[in-house]
Every structure is written in C-alpha cells, then in structure tokens.
Amino acid sequence: FNPSVVGGKAIGASLFGLENRWGKLPVTMYPHDFIKESSMTDYDMTSGVGRTYRYYTGKPLFPFGHGLSLTTFKLSCSSETLDFACIVANVGGML
C-alpha cells in the first residue's frame, strides 16, 4: 500500500480528474477476533477454519478485491461454448 516516490503524482492526477484511480485490495481483511484466535502463519489453503479468502466461511471486514472506482463501467459479455468475449465501456463522466 506504499505509493513510493510516484504517490504524489498519482494523487495529483486523481484530484484534478486526469485519471480514474481505483483501489482494489490485494488481500482479505479479517475481523480482529479471527486473527486473534487463528495462526496467521499457517498458509495451508484447506486446513483449519479457512485461513485464506477462498476457504474462509465468516464475513470478512473487507473481501479480496474490495474497492471503489470514481466512474461507472458497463460490462457486456457473450459466450460460445467455453470462449468468452467481453467489452468494458466507461459510461461515467470520468475518462
């Protein structure tokens, strides 16, 4: 989550409407009780109470991929057998 040396430029571009900076979490944020009771060093996907977002059965604080966008998108997909074709269009005011 560290923007490093380009953070200032990115924030400026967002504030002045030059870019649509979206933020999606690359991790799952678990409730404090779950973290306190579970070993956070065990990365086995299937063991225990569901250490990863894929097997976790509780309600996370923020799920993997949670985030916001400053515009609206339209997704149109069609499929033939196992082939998919999708078109993503920006229908909001932010380019």
C-alpha atoms as a PDB file:
ATOM      1  CA  PHE A   1       0.000   0.000   0.000  1.00  0.00           C
ATOM      2  CA  ASN A   2       3.054   2.243  -0.194  1.00  0.00           C
ATOM      3  CA  PRO A   3       2.921   4.542  -3.249  1.00  0.00           C
ATOM      4  CA  SER A   4       6.666   5.243  -3.008  1.00  0.00           C
ATOM      5  CA  VAL A   5       8.069   8.185  -4.988  1.00  0.00           C
ATOM      6  CA  VAL A   6       5.224   8.299  -7.546  1.00  0.00           C
ATOM      7  CA  GLY A   7       2.495   8.710  -4.923  1.00  0.00           C
ATOM      8  CA  GLY A   8       2.362  12.494  -5.175  1.00  0.00           C
ATOM      9  CA  LYS A   9       1.945  12.419  -8.948  1.00  0.00           C
ATOM     10  CA  ALA A  10      -0.809   9.795  -8.681  1.00  0.00           C
ATOM     11  CA  ILE A  11      -2.714  11.762  -6.032  1.00  0.00           C
ATOM     12  CA  GLY A  12      -2.433  14.948  -8.098  1.00  0.00           C
ATOM     13  CA  ALA A  13      -3.759  13.217 -11.223  1.00  0.00           C
ATOM     14  CA  SER A  14      -6.725  11.890  -9.230  1.00  0.00           C
ATOM     15  CA  LEU A  15      -7.532  15.216  -7.563  1.00  0.00           C
ATOM     16  CA  PHE A  16      -7.508  17.090 -10.866  1.00  0.00           C
ATOM     17  CA  GLY A  17      -9.586  14.457 -12.678  1.00  0.00           C
ATOM     18  CA  LEU A  18      -6.857  13.384 -15.068  1.00  0.00           C
ATOM     19  CA  GLU A  19      -7.147   9.702 -14.219  1.00  0.00           C
ATOM     20  CA  ASN A  20      -9.564   7.287 -12.601  1.00  0.00           C
ATOM     21  CA  ARG A  21      -7.564   5.952  -9.671  1.00  0.00           C
ATOM     22  CA  TRP A  22      -9.316   2.925  -8.329  1.00  0.00           C
ATOM     23  CA  GLY A  23      -8.220   0.928  -5.358  1.00  0.00           C
ATOM     24  CA  LYS A  24      -8.769  -2.801  -5.029  1.00  0.00           C
ATOM     25  CA  LEU A  25      -7.488  -4.718  -2.023  1.00  0.00           C
ATOM     26  CA  PRO A  26      -4.891  -7.383  -2.871  1.00  0.00           C
ATOM     27  CA  VAL A  27      -5.646  -9.134   0.441  1.00  0.00           C
ATOM     28  CA  THR A  28      -8.632 -10.054   2.603  1.00  0.00           C
ATOM     29  CA  MET A  29      -9.083  -8.055   5.793  1.00  0.00           C
ATOM     30  CA  TYR A  30     -10.279 -10.416   8.537  1.00  0.00           C
ATOM     31  CA  PRO A  31     -12.103  -9.455  11.758  1.00  0.00           C
ATOM     32  CA  HIS A  32      -9.843  -8.961  14.779  1.00  0.00           C
ATOM     33  CA  ASP A  33     -11.372 -11.930  16.645  1.00  0.00           C
ATOM     34  CA  PHE A  34     -10.495 -14.294  13.789  1.00  0.00           C
ATOM     35  CA  ILE A  35      -6.907 -13.052  13.651  1.00  0.00           C
ATOM     36  CA  LYS A  36      -6.535 -13.325  17.424  1.00  0.00           C
ATOM     37  CA  GLU A  37      -7.805 -16.932  17.511  1.00  0.00           C
ATOM     38  CA  SER A  38      -6.103 -18.258  14.354  1.00  0.00           C
ATOM     39  CA  SER A  39      -2.478 -18.739  13.412  1.00  0.00           C
ATOM     40  CA  MET A  40      -1.681 -16.185  10.738  1.00  0.00           C
ATOM     41  CA  THR A  41       1.493 -18.084   9.791  1.00  0.00           C
ATOM     42  CA  ASP A  42      -0.349 -21.188   8.520  1.00  0.00           C
ATOM     43  CA  TYR A  43      -0.911 -20.677   4.788  1.00  0.00           C
ATOM     44  CA  ASP A  44      -2.368 -24.115   4.086  1.00  0.00           C
ATOM     45  CA  MET A  45      -5.427 -23.256   1.965  1.00  0.00           C
ATOM     46  CA  THR A  46      -7.690 -26.088   3.147  1.00  0.00           C
ATOM     47  CA  SER A  47      -6.751 -26.729   6.771  1.00  0.00           C
ATOM     48  CA  GLY A  48      -8.300 -25.301   9.883  1.00  0.00           C
ATOM     49  CA  VAL A  49     -11.001 -22.643   9.811  1.00  0.00           C
ATOM     50  CA  GLY A  50     -10.278 -21.304   6.345  1.00  0.00           C
ATOM     51  CA  ARG A  51      -7.125 -19.225   6.605  1.00  0.00           C
ATOM     52  CA  THR A  52      -7.444 -17.726   3.100  1.00  0.00           C
ATOM     53  CA  TYR A  53     -10.202 -15.773   1.377  1.00  0.00           C
ATOM     54  CA  ARG A  54     -11.025 -18.810  -0.745  1.00  0.00           C
ATOM     55  CA  TYR A  55     -11.967 -21.050   2.206  1.00  0.00           C
ATOM     56  CA  TYR A  56     -12.892 -18.507   4.873  1.00  0.00           C
ATOM     57  CA  THR A  57     -16.544 -19.053   5.853  1.00  0.00           C
ATOM     58  CA  GLY A  58     -17.049 -15.981   8.048  1.00  0.00           C
ATOM     59  CA  LYS A  59     -17.810 -12.428   6.975  1.00  0.00           C
ATOM     60  CA  PRO A  60     -14.558 -10.539   6.289  1.00  0.00           C
ATOM     61  CA  LEU A  61     -14.195  -6.866   7.127  1.00  0.00           C
ATOM     62  CA  PHE A  62     -13.202  -6.242   3.518  1.00  0.00           C
ATOM     63  CA  PRO A  63     -13.057  -9.109   0.983  1.00  0.00           C
ATOM     64  CA  PHE A  64     -10.304  -9.723  -1.552  1.00  0.00           C
ATOM     65  CA  GLY A  65     -10.761  -7.279  -4.444  1.00  0.00           C
ATOM     66  CA  HIS A  66     -12.933  -4.833  -2.487  1.00  0.00           C
ATOM     67  CA  GLY A  67     -12.575  -1.273  -3.651  1.00  0.00           C
ATOM     68  CA  LEU A  68     -14.020   1.775  -5.324  1.00  0.00           C
ATOM     69  CA  SER A  69     -13.929   3.493  -8.660  1.00  0.00           C
ATOM     70  CA  LEU A  70     -14.548   7.139  -9.499  1.00  0.00           C
ATOM     71  CA  THR A  71     -16.617   6.279 -12.588  1.00  0.00           C
ATOM     72  CA  THR A  72     -19.170   3.741 -13.812  1.00  0.00           C
ATOM     73  CA  PHE A  73     -18.446   0.858 -16.158  1.00  0.00           C
ATOM     74  CA  LYS A  74     -20.691  -1.294 -18.343  1.00  0.00           C
ATOM     75  CA  LEU A  75     -19.695  -4.912 -18.916  1.00  0.00           C
ATOM     76  CA  SER A  76     -21.125  -6.791 -21.899  1.00  0.00           C
ATOM     77  CA  CYS A  77     -20.151 -10.430 -22.347  1.00  0.00           C
ATOM     78  CA  SER A  78     -21.123 -13.148 -24.795  1.00  0.00           C
ATOM     79  CA  SER A  79     -20.055 -16.759 -24.837  1.00  0.00           C
ATOM     80  CA  GLU A  80     -19.930 -19.615 -27.270  1.00  0.00           C
ATOM     81  CA  THR A  81     -19.101 -22.892 -25.553  1.00  0.00           C
ATOM     82  CA  LEU A  82     -16.000 -22.125 -23.449  1.00  0.00           C
ATOM     83  CA  ASP A  83     -14.927 -18.972 -25.301  1.00  0.00           C
ATOM     84  CA  PHE A  84     -15.926 -15.633 -23.804  1.00  0.00           C
ATOM     85  CA  ALA A  85     -15.797 -12.198 -25.360  1.00  0.00           C
ATOM     86  CA  CYS A  86     -16.279  -9.159 -23.121  1.00  0.00           C
ATOM     87  CA  ILE A  87     -16.451  -5.461 -23.816  1.00  0.00           C
ATOM     88  CA  VAL A  88     -15.847  -2.995 -20.983  1.00  0.00           C
ATOM     89  CA  ALA A  89     -17.132   0.536 -21.584  1.00  0.00           C
ATOM     90  CA  ASN A  90     -16.686   3.624 -19.433  1.00  0.00           C
ATOM     91  CA  VAL A  91     -20.199   5.095 -19.221  1.00  0.00           C
ATOM     92  CA  GLY A  92     -19.422   7.532 -16.405  1.00  0.00           C
ATOM     93  CA  GLY A  93     -18.170  11.079 -16.503  1.00  0.00           C
ATOM     94  CA  MET A  94     -14.526  10.216 -15.712  1.00  0.00           C
ATOM     95  CA  LEU A  95     -12.332   9.287 -18.649  1.00  0.00           C
END
